[in-house]
Amino acid sequence: MKTLDKMLAEQMKDEQFRKEYEAIQPELDVIRAIVDARTSQNLTQKELAERTGINQADISKLENGTRNPSVNLLKRLADGLGMALKIEFVPKQPAK
C-alpha cells in the first residue's frame, strides 16, 4: 500500500499536476494553519466558534476549503485562539 507522500511524489513528476498543486499551495497552507492551531489547543470547531463568534459551519467550510477567509476573519480566528496573525511573503522556490 502506498503512503500519501509516495503517491504525491509520483504525481509531482507530472508537470501539469505539479503546476496545479503549487497553484493551490497557499490555500492549503491557510487550511493547515487553521486546523493545526485549533487542534493544538484541543478545541472543537464548535468551541472555536463560541470563542470567535464565527458560525461553526463557516469554520468547517474554511477547514475543508470551500470558503476563502478574509484577513479580518483570519484575525478573528487568531484572536479566538489567543494567537497573533502573521502573513509574510517569501521568495519563490526555483522550479524543479
PDB file of N, CA and C in Angstrom:
ATOM      1  N   MET A   1       0.836  -1.180   0.000  1.00  0.00           N
ATOM      2  CA  MET A   1       0.000   0.000   0.000  1.00  0.00           C
ATOM      3  C   MET A   1       0.886   1.251   0.000  1.00  0.00           C
ATOM      4  N   LYS A   2       0.583   2.196  -0.879  1.00  0.00           N
ATOM      5  CA  LYS A   2       1.365   3.421  -0.993  1.00  0.00           C
ATOM      6  C   LYS A   2       1.023   4.387   0.133  1.00  0.00           C
ATOM      7  N   THR A   3       2.042   5.105   0.560  1.00  0.00           N
ATOM      8  CA  THR A   3       1.768   6.172   1.512  1.00  0.00           C
ATOM      9  C   THR A   3       1.387   7.417   0.719  1.00  0.00           C
ATOM     10  N   LEU A   4       0.767   8.352   1.389  1.00  0.00           N
ATOM     11  CA  LEU A   4       0.380   9.601   0.745  1.00  0.00           C
ATOM     12  C   LEU A   4       1.604  10.320   0.182  1.00  0.00           C
ATOM     13  N   ASP A   5       2.695  10.338   0.949  1.00  0.00           N
ATOM     14  CA  ASP A   5       3.909  11.017   0.492  1.00  0.00           C
ATOM     15  C   ASP A   5       4.469  10.386  -0.777  1.00  0.00           C
ATOM     16  N   LYS A   6       4.471   9.055  -0.843  1.00  0.00           N
ATOM     17  CA  LYS A   6       4.974   8.376  -2.044  1.00  0.00           C
ATOM     18  C   LYS A   6       4.068   8.656  -3.238  1.00  0.00           C
ATOM     19  N   MET A   7       2.768   8.619  -3.013  1.00  0.00           N
ATOM     20  CA  MET A   7       1.836   8.884  -4.095  1.00  0.00           C
ATOM     21  C   MET A   7       1.993  10.319  -4.606  1.00  0.00           C
ATOM     22  N   LEU A   8       2.141  11.265  -3.684  1.00  0.00           N
ATOM     23  CA  LEU A   8       2.316  12.654  -4.073  1.00  0.00           C
ATOM     24  C   LEU A   8       3.625  12.832  -4.839  1.00  0.00           C
ATOM     25  N   ALA A   9       4.684  12.198  -4.374  1.00  0.00           N
ATOM     26  CA  ALA A   9       5.973  12.302  -5.069  1.00  0.00           C
ATOM     27  C   ALA A   9       5.852  11.800  -6.506  1.00  0.00           C
ATOM     28  N   GLU A  10       5.117  10.723  -6.701  1.00  0.00           N
ATOM     29  CA  GLU A  10       4.902  10.201  -8.052  1.00  0.00           C
ATOM     30  C   GLU A  10       4.099  11.185  -8.894  1.00  0.00           C
ATOM     31  N   GLN A  11       3.050  11.731  -8.323  1.00  0.00           N
ATOM     32  CA  GLN A  11       2.204  12.676  -9.055  1.00  0.00           C
ATOM     33  C   GLN A  11       2.962  13.954  -9.404  1.00  0.00           C
ATOM     34  N   MET A  12       3.873  14.374  -8.540  1.00  0.00           N
ATOM     35  CA  MET A  12       4.615  15.610  -8.768  1.00  0.00           C
ATOM     36  C   MET A  12       5.548  15.508  -9.971  1.00  0.00           C
ATOM     37  N   LYS A  13       5.808  14.312 -10.444  1.00  0.00           N
ATOM     38  CA  LYS A  13       6.623  14.131 -11.653  1.00  0.00           C
ATOM     39  C   LYS A  13       5.873  14.618 -12.893  1.00  0.00           C
ATOM     40  N   ASP A  14       4.555  14.636 -12.813  1.00  0.00           N
ATOM     41  CA  ASP A  14       3.719  15.125 -13.914  1.00  0.00           C
ATOM     42  C   ASP A  14       3.692  16.655 -13.820  1.00  0.00           C
ATOM     43  N   GLU A  15       4.222  17.330 -14.842  1.00  0.00           N
ATOM     44  CA  GLU A  15       4.365  18.792 -14.791  1.00  0.00           C
ATOM     45  C   GLU A  15       3.034  19.505 -14.620  1.00  0.00           C
ATOM     46  N   GLN A  16       1.997  19.053 -15.315  1.00  0.00           N
ATOM     47  CA  GLN A  16       0.686  19.709 -15.192  1.00  0.00           C
ATOM     48  C   GLN A  16       0.152  19.558 -13.770  1.00  0.00           C
ATOM     49  N   PHE A  17       0.262  18.363 -13.195  1.00  0.00           N
ATOM     50  CA  PHE A  17      -0.182  18.143 -11.818  1.00  0.00           C
ATOM     51  C   PHE A  17       0.606  19.045 -10.869  1.00  0.00           C
ATOM     52  N   ARG A  18       1.933  19.079 -11.047  1.00  0.00           N
ATOM     53  CA  ARG A  18       2.790  19.867 -10.164  1.00  0.00           C
ATOM     54  C   ARG A  18       2.409  21.340 -10.203  1.00  0.00           C
ATOM     55  N   LYS A  19       2.159  21.874 -11.397  1.00  0.00           N
ATOM     56  CA  LYS A  19       1.782  23.283 -11.513  1.00  0.00           C
ATOM     57  C   LYS A  19       0.461  23.567 -10.806  1.00  0.00           C
ATOM     58  N   GLU A  20      -0.513  22.685 -10.981  1.00  0.00           N
ATOM     59  CA  GLU A  20      -1.810  22.873 -10.317  1.00  0.00           C
ATOM     60  C   GLU A  20      -1.666  22.763  -8.794  1.00  0.00           C
ATOM     61  N   TYR A  21      -0.880  21.789  -8.352  1.00  0.00           N
ATOM     62  CA  TYR A  21      -0.662  21.594  -6.917  1.00  0.00           C
ATOM     63  C   TYR A  21       0.006  22.826  -6.317  1.00  0.00           C
ATOM     64  N   GLU A  22       1.026  23.346  -6.991  1.00  0.00           N
ATOM     65  CA  GLU A  22       1.725  24.529  -6.498  1.00  0.00           C
ATOM     66  C   GLU A  22       0.822  25.756  -6.506  1.00  0.00           C
ATOM     67  N   ALA A  23      -0.105  25.822  -7.467  1.00  0.00           N
ATOM     68  CA  ALA A  23      -1.018  26.962  -7.554  1.00  0.00           C
ATOM     69  C   ALA A  23      -1.964  27.022  -6.360  1.00  0.00           C
ATOM     70  N   ILE A  24      -2.354  25.871  -5.820  1.00  0.00           N
ATOM     71  CA  ILE A  24      -3.282  25.874  -4.683  1.00  0.00           C
ATOM     72  C   ILE A  24      -2.566  25.790  -3.333  1.00  0.00           C
ATOM     73  N   GLN A  25      -1.247  25.741  -3.350  1.00  0.00           N
ATOM     74  CA  GLN A  25      -0.489  25.588  -2.110  1.00  0.00           C
ATOM     75  C   GLN A  25      -0.795  26.668  -1.075  1.00  0.00           C
ATOM     76  N   PRO A  26      -0.916  27.953  -1.451  1.00  0.00           N
ATOM     77  CA  PRO A  26      -1.236  28.956  -0.420  1.00  0.00           C
ATOM     78  C   PRO A  26      -2.555  28.667   0.307  1.00  0.00           C
ATOM     79  N   GLU A  27      -3.578  28.242  -0.440  1.00  0.00           N
ATOM     80  CA  GLU A  27      -4.854  27.911   0.195  1.00  0.00           C
ATOM     81  C   GLU A  27      -4.693  26.711   1.137  1.00  0.00           C
ATOM     82  N   LEU A  28      -3.928  25.722   0.703  1.00  0.00           N
ATOM     83  CA  LEU A  28      -3.690  24.555   1.562  1.00  0.00           C
ATOM     84  C   LEU A  28      -2.924  24.952   2.819  1.00  0.00           C
ATOM     85  N   ASP A  29      -1.986  25.879   2.689  1.00  0.00           N
ATOM     86  CA  ASP A  29      -1.225  26.342   3.860  1.00  0.00           C
ATOM     87  C   ASP A  29      -2.129  27.039   4.873  1.00  0.00           C
ATOM     88  N   VAL A  30      -3.077  27.842   4.380  1.00  0.00           N
ATOM     89  CA  VAL A  30      -4.015  28.526   5.286  1.00  0.00           C
ATOM     90  C   VAL A  30      -4.886  27.499   6.001  1.00  0.00           C
ATOM     91  N   ILE A  31      -5.413  26.541   5.251  1.00  0.00           N
ATOM     92  CA  ILE A  31      -6.250  25.497   5.853  1.00  0.00           C
ATOM     93  C   ILE A  31      -5.463  24.740   6.914  1.00  0.00           C
ATOM     94  N   ARG A  32      -4.244  24.336   6.568  1.00  0.00           N
ATOM     95  CA  ARG A  32      -3.415  23.573   7.507  1.00  0.00           C
ATOM     96  C   ARG A  32      -3.131  24.394   8.762  1.00  0.00           C
ATOM     97  N   ALA A  33      -2.857  25.695   8.600  1.00  0.00           N
ATOM     98  CA  ALA A  33      -2.567  26.549   9.753  1.00  0.00           C
ATOM     99  C   ALA A  33      -3.775  26.662  10.681  1.00  0.00           C
ATOM    100  N   ILE A  34      -4.963  26.814  10.101  1.00  0.00           N
ATOM    101  CA  ILE A  34      -6.179  26.921  10.920  1.00  0.00           C
ATOM    102  C   ILE A  34      -6.409  25.625  11.691  1.00  0.00           C
ATOM    103  N   VAL A  35      -6.367  24.507  10.991  1.00  0.00           N
ATOM    104  CA  VAL A  35      -6.621  23.215  11.636  1.00  0.00           C
ATOM    105  C   VAL A  35      -5.563  22.917  12.694  1.00  0.00           C
ATOM    106  N   ASP A  36      -4.287  23.133  12.350  1.00  0.00           N
ATOM    107  CA  ASP A  36      -3.213  22.854  13.309  1.00  0.00           C
ATOM    108  C   ASP A  36      -3.333  23.716  14.565  1.00  0.00           C
ATOM    109  N   ALA A  37      -3.653  25.005  14.388  1.00  0.00           N
ATOM    110  CA  ALA A  37      -3.787  25.891  15.547  1.00  0.00           C
ATOM    111  C   ALA A  37      -4.946  25.445  16.434  1.00  0.00           C
ATOM    112  N   ARG A  38      -6.058  25.086  15.808  1.00  0.00           N
ATOM    113  CA  ARG A  38      -7.235  24.661  16.584  1.00  0.00           C
ATOM    114  C   ARG A  38      -6.962  23.344  17.309  1.00  0.00           C
ATOM    115  N   THR A  39      -6.426  22.381  16.593  1.00  0.00           N
ATOM    116  CA  THR A  39      -6.219  21.061  17.211  1.00  0.00           C
ATOM    117  C   THR A  39      -5.088  21.069  18.238  1.00  0.00           C
ATOM    118  N   SER A  40      -4.117  21.975  18.067  1.00  0.00           N
ATOM    119  CA  SER A  40      -3.033  22.047  19.051  1.00  0.00           C
ATOM    120  C   SER A  40      -3.553  22.489  20.418  1.00  0.00           C
ATOM    121  N   GLN A  41      -4.714  23.155  20.417  1.00  0.00           N
ATOM    122  CA  GLN A  41      -5.336  23.588  21.672  1.00  0.00           C
ATOM    123  C   GLN A  41      -6.484  22.661  22.077  1.00  0.00           C
ATOM    124  N   ASN A  42      -6.589  21.540  21.372  1.00  0.00           N
ATOM    125  CA  ASN A  42      -7.644  20.561  21.643  1.00  0.00           C
ATOM    126  C   ASN A  42      -9.032  21.181  21.611  1.00  0.00           C
ATOM    127  N   LEU A  43      -9.247  22.075  20.654  1.00  0.00           N
ATOM    128  CA  LEU A  43     -10.543  22.723  20.502  1.00  0.00           C
ATOM    129  C   LEU A  43     -11.344  22.057  19.404  1.00  0.00           C
ATOM    130  N   THR A  44     -12.634  21.953  19.609  1.00  0.00           N
ATOM    131  CA  THR A  44     -13.522  21.532  18.536  1.00  0.00           C
ATOM    132  C   THR A  44     -13.867  22.762  17.700  1.00  0.00           C
ATOM    133  N   GLN A  45     -14.432  22.529  16.539  1.00  0.00           N
ATOM    134  CA  GLN A  45     -14.899  23.654  15.731  1.00  0.00           C
ATOM    135  C   GLN A  45     -15.951  24.443  16.503  1.00  0.00           C
ATOM    136  N   LYS A  46     -16.808  23.751  17.223  1.00  0.00           N
ATOM    137  CA  LYS A  46     -17.858  24.422  17.988  1.00  0.00           C
ATOM    138  C   LYS A  46     -17.260  25.324  19.061  1.00  0.00           C
ATOM    139  N   GLU A  47     -16.230  24.838  19.754  1.00  0.00           N
ATOM    140  CA  GLU A  47     -15.594  25.654  20.792  1.00  0.00           C
ATOM    141  C   GLU A  47     -14.921  26.882  20.186  1.00  0.00           C
ATOM    142  N   LEU A  48     -14.278  26.708  19.027  1.00  0.00           N
ATOM    143  CA  LEU A  48     -13.658  27.850  18.362  1.00  0.00           C
ATOM    144  C   LEU A  48     -14.726  28.843  17.904  1.00  0.00           C
ATOM    145  N   ALA A  49     -15.843  28.319  17.442  1.00  0.00           N
ATOM    146  CA  ALA A  49     -16.952  29.186  17.026  1.00  0.00           C
ATOM    147  C   ALA A  49     -17.441  30.029  18.203  1.00  0.00           C
ATOM    148  N   GLU A  50     -17.556  29.414  19.377  1.00  0.00           N
ATOM    149  CA  GLU A  50     -18.005  30.141  20.566  1.00  0.00           C
ATOM    150  C   GLU A  50     -17.011  31.228  20.958  1.00  0.00           C
ATOM    151  N   ARG A  51     -15.725  30.949  20.807  1.00  0.00           N
ATOM    152  CA  ARG A  51     -14.695  31.928  21.160  1.00  0.00           C
ATOM    153  C   ARG A  51     -14.636  33.101  20.194  1.00  0.00           C
ATOM    154  N   THR A  52     -14.954  32.849  18.926  1.00  0.00           N
ATOM    155  CA  THR A  52     -14.764  33.872  17.894  1.00  0.00           C
ATOM    156  C   THR A  52     -16.039  34.551  17.436  1.00  0.00           C
ATOM    157  N   GLY A  53     -17.174  33.926  17.708  1.00  0.00           N
ATOM    158  CA  GLY A  53     -18.430  34.447  17.182  1.00  0.00           C
ATOM    159  C   GLY A  53     -18.633  34.110  15.712  1.00  0.00           C
ATOM    160  N   ILE A  54     -17.789  33.234  15.190  1.00  0.00           N
ATOM    161  CA  ILE A  54     -17.915  32.773  13.808  1.00  0.00           C
ATOM    162  C   ILE A  54     -18.734  31.491  13.833  1.00  0.00           C
ATOM    163  N   ASN A  55     -19.698  31.385  12.967  1.00  0.00           N
ATOM    164  CA  ASN A  55     -20.550  30.207  12.910  1.00  0.00           C
ATOM    165  C   ASN A  55     -19.707  28.947  12.712  1.00  0.00           C
ATOM    166  N   GLN A  56     -20.045  27.868  13.415  1.00  0.00           N
ATOM    167  CA  GLN A  56     -19.306  26.611  13.301  1.00  0.00           C
ATOM    168  C   GLN A  56     -19.316  26.091  11.873  1.00  0.00           C
ATOM    169  N   ALA A  57     -20.410  26.261  11.170  1.00  0.00           N
ATOM    170  CA  ALA A  57     -20.490  25.807   9.777  1.00  0.00           C
ATOM    171  C   ALA A  57     -19.485  26.569   8.912  1.00  0.00           C
ATOM    172  N   ASP A  58     -19.278  27.849   9.208  1.00  0.00           N
ATOM    173  CA  ASP A  58     -18.296  28.631   8.460  1.00  0.00           C
ATOM    174  C   ASP A  58     -16.870  28.171   8.761  1.00  0.00           C
ATOM    175  N   ILE A  59     -16.605  27.814  10.002  1.00  0.00           N
ATOM    176  CA  ILE A  59     -15.283  27.279  10.349  1.00  0.00           C
ATOM    177  C   ILE A  59     -15.055  25.966   9.604  1.00  0.00           C
ATOM    178  N   SER A  60     -16.088  25.140   9.538  1.00  0.00           N
ATOM    179  CA  SER A  60     -15.989  23.889   8.781  1.00  0.00           C
ATOM    180  C   SER A  60     -15.679  24.162   7.312  1.00  0.00           C
ATOM    181  N   LYS A  61     -16.352  25.136   6.731  1.00  0.00           N
ATOM    182  CA  LYS A  61     -16.110  25.480   5.322  1.00  0.00           C
ATOM    183  C   LYS A  61     -14.681  25.979   5.113  1.00  0.00           C
ATOM    184  N   LEU A  62     -14.168  26.746   6.054  1.00  0.00           N
ATOM    185  CA  LEU A  62     -12.781  27.204   5.959  1.00  0.00           C
ATOM    186  C   LEU A  62     -11.828  26.019   5.983  1.00  0.00           C
ATOM    187  N   GLU A  63     -12.084  25.098   6.907  1.00  0.00           N
ATOM    188  CA  GLU A  63     -11.185  23.958   7.086  1.00  0.00           C
ATOM    189  C   GLU A  63     -11.273  22.943   5.947  1.00  0.00           C
ATOM    190  N   ASN A  64     -12.407  22.882   5.251  1.00  0.00           N
ATOM    191  CA  ASN A  64     -12.478  21.931   4.146  1.00  0.00           C
ATOM    192  C   ASN A  64     -12.244  22.591   2.798  1.00  0.00           C
ATOM    193  N   GLY A  65     -11.926  23.883   2.821  1.00  0.00           N
ATOM    194  CA  GLY A  65     -11.507  24.569   1.613  1.00  0.00           C
ATOM    195  C   GLY A  65     -12.616  25.062   0.707  1.00  0.00           C
ATOM    196  N   THR A  66     -13.846  25.088   1.203  1.00  0.00           N
ATOM    197  CA  THR A  66     -14.946  25.574   0.367  1.00  0.00           C
ATOM    198  C   THR A  66     -15.247  27.050   0.598  1.00  0.00           C
ATOM    199  N   ARG A  67     -14.489  27.671   1.484  1.00  0.00           N
ATOM    200  CA  ARG A  67     -14.636  29.111   1.718  1.00  0.00           C
ATOM    201  C   ARG A  67     -13.254  29.710   1.912  1.00  0.00           C
ATOM    202  N   ASN A  68     -12.994  30.825   1.240  1.00  0.00           N
ATOM    203  CA  ASN A  68     -11.728  31.529   1.400  1.00  0.00           C
ATOM    204  C   ASN A  68     -11.907  32.627   2.439  1.00  0.00           C
ATOM    205  N   PRO A  69     -11.043  32.656   3.443  1.00  0.00           N
ATOM    206  CA  PRO A  69     -11.198  33.647   4.504  1.00  0.00           C
ATOM    207  C   PRO A  69     -10.647  35.014   4.116  1.00  0.00           C
ATOM    208  N   SER A  70     -11.262  36.052   4.649  1.00  0.00           N
ATOM    209  CA  SER A  70     -10.714  37.404   4.524  1.00  0.00           C
ATOM    210  C   SER A  70      -9.643  37.565   5.605  1.00  0.00           C
ATOM    211  N   VAL A  71      -8.859  38.601   5.489  1.00  0.00           N
ATOM    212  CA  VAL A  71      -7.851  38.883   6.512  1.00  0.00           C
ATOM    213  C   VAL A  71      -8.537  39.176   7.842  1.00  0.00           C
ATOM    214  N   ASN A  72      -9.662  39.887   7.810  1.00  0.00           N
ATOM    215  CA  ASN A  72     -10.394  40.167   9.055  1.00  0.00           C
ATOM    216  C   ASN A  72     -10.872  38.888   9.722  1.00  0.00           C
ATOM    217  N   LEU A  73     -11.327  37.925   8.940  1.00  0.00           N
ATOM    218  CA  LEU A  73     -11.778  36.656   9.512  1.00  0.00           C
ATOM    219  C   LEU A  73     -10.593  35.903  10.113  1.00  0.00           C
ATOM    220  N   LEU A  74      -9.462  35.929   9.431  1.00  0.00           N
ATOM    221  CA  LEU A  74      -8.268  35.282   9.978  1.00  0.00           C
ATOM    222  C   LEU A  74      -7.845  35.941  11.291  1.00  0.00           C
ATOM    223  N   LYS A  75      -7.979  37.274  11.389  1.00  0.00           N
ATOM    224  CA  LYS A  75      -7.650  37.969  12.638  1.00  0.00           C
ATOM    225  C   LYS A  75      -8.586  37.534  13.763  1.00  0.00           C
ATOM    226  N   ARG A  76      -9.864  37.373  13.451  1.00  0.00           N
ATOM    227  CA  ARG A  76     -10.824  36.906  14.471  1.00  0.00           C
ATOM    228  C   ARG A  76     -10.473  35.508  14.943  1.00  0.00           C
ATOM    229  N   LEU A  77     -10.095  34.640  13.997  1.00  0.00           N
ATOM    230  CA  LEU A  77      -9.686  33.284  14.373  1.00  0.00           C
ATOM    231  C   LEU A  77      -8.444  33.332  15.261  1.00  0.00           C
ATOM    232  N   ALA A  78      -7.458  34.130  14.867  1.00  0.00           N
ATOM    233  CA  ALA A  78      -6.234  34.242  15.658  1.00  0.00           C
ATOM    234  C   ALA A  78      -6.540  34.735  17.066  1.00  0.00           C
ATOM    235  N   ASP A  79      -7.371  35.762  17.166  1.00  0.00           N
ATOM    236  CA  ASP A  79      -7.750  36.277  18.483  1.00  0.00           C
ATOM    237  C   ASP A  79      -8.423  35.196  19.322  1.00  0.00           C
ATOM    238  N   GLY A  80      -9.335  34.451  18.718  1.00  0.00           N
ATOM    239  CA  GLY A  80     -10.033  33.392  19.433  1.00  0.00           C
ATOM    240  C   GLY A  80      -9.113  32.274  19.892  1.00  0.00           C
ATOM    241  N   LEU A  81      -7.998  32.132  19.193  1.00  0.00           N
ATOM    242  CA  LEU A  81      -7.015  31.104  19.551  1.00  0.00           C
ATOM    243  C   LEU A  81      -5.930  31.655  20.474  1.00  0.00           C
ATOM    244  N   GLY A  82      -6.034  32.953  20.815  1.00  0.00           N
ATOM    245  CA  GLY A  82      -5.010  33.571  21.650  1.00  0.00           C
ATOM    246  C   GLY A  82      -3.687  33.708  20.917  1.00  0.00           C
ATOM    247  N   MET A  83      -3.768  33.892  19.618  1.00  0.00           N
ATOM    248  CA  MET A  83      -2.570  33.979  18.783  1.00  0.00           C
ATOM    249  C   MET A  83      -2.577  35.276  17.999  1.00  0.00           C
ATOM    250  N   ALA A  84      -1.422  35.610  17.443  1.00  0.00           N
ATOM    251  CA  ALA A  84      -1.299  36.746  16.539  1.00  0.00           C
ATOM    252  C   ALA A  84      -1.279  36.208  15.111  1.00  0.00           C
ATOM    253  N   LEU A  85      -1.872  36.952  14.206  1.00  0.00           N
ATOM    254  CA  LEU A  85      -1.855  36.584  12.797  1.00  0.00           C
ATOM    255  C   LEU A  85      -0.607  37.167  12.171  1.00  0.00           C
ATOM    256  N   LYS A  86       0.136  36.329  11.457  1.00  0.00           N
ATOM    257  CA  LYS A  86       1.336  36.777  10.763  1.00  0.00           C
ATOM    258  C   LYS A  86       1.241  36.297   9.323  1.00  0.00           C
ATOM    259  N   ILE A  87       1.283  37.244   8.392  1.00  0.00           N
ATOM    260  CA  ILE A  87       1.261  36.924   6.971  1.00  0.00           C
ATOM    261  C   ILE A  87       2.580  37.426   6.404  1.00  0.00           C
ATOM    262  N   GLU A  88       3.228  36.604   5.601  1.00  0.00           N
ATOM    263  CA  GLU A  88       4.505  37.034   5.054  1.00  0.00           C
ATOM    264  C   GLU A  88       4.659  36.599   3.607  1.00  0.00           C
ATOM    265  N   PHE A  89       5.472  37.329   2.892  1.00  0.00           N
ATOM    266  CA  PHE A  89       5.841  36.974   1.540  1.00  0.00           C
ATOM    267  C   PHE A  89       7.234  36.358   1.608  1.00  0.00           C
ATOM    268  N   VAL A  90       7.418  35.248   0.919  1.00  0.00           N
ATOM    269  CA  VAL A  90       8.713  34.577   0.910  1.00  0.00           C
ATOM    270  C   VAL A  90       9.145  34.368  -0.548  1.00  0.00           C
ATOM    271  N   PRO A  91      10.456  34.310  -0.784  1.00  0.00           N
ATOM    272  CA  PRO A  91      10.911  34.088  -2.160  1.00  0.00           C
ATOM    273  C   PRO A  91      10.383  32.762  -2.704  1.00  0.00           C
ATOM    274  N   LYS A  92      10.079  32.768  -3.997  1.00  0.00           N
ATOM    275  CA  LYS A  92       9.645  31.535  -4.643  1.00  0.00           C
ATOM    276  C   LYS A  92      10.808  30.576  -4.746  1.00  0.00           C
ATOM    277  N   GLN A  93      10.479  29.291  -4.671  1.00  0.00           N
ATOM    278  CA  GLN A  93      11.477  28.260  -4.865  1.00  0.00           C
ATOM    279  C   GLN A  93      11.664  28.049  -6.361  1.00  0.00           C
ATOM    280  N   PRO A  94      12.884  27.836  -6.810  1.00  0.00           N
ATOM    281  CA  PRO A  94      13.075  27.588  -8.241  1.00  0.00           C
ATOM    282  C   PRO A  94      12.348  26.322  -8.664  1.00  0.00           C
ATOM    283  N   ALA A  95      11.826  26.325  -9.904  1.00  0.00           N
ATOM    284  CA  ALA A  95      11.119  25.156 -10.431  1.00  0.00           C
ATOM    285  C   ALA A  95      12.070  23.972 -10.503  1.00  0.00           C
ATOM    286  N   LYS A  96      11.536  22.815 -10.208  1.00  0.00           N
ATOM    287  CA  LYS A  96      12.353  21.600 -10.235  1.00  0.00           C
ATOM    288  C   LYS A  96      12.333  20.985 -11.599  1.00  0.00           C
TER     289      LYS A  96
END
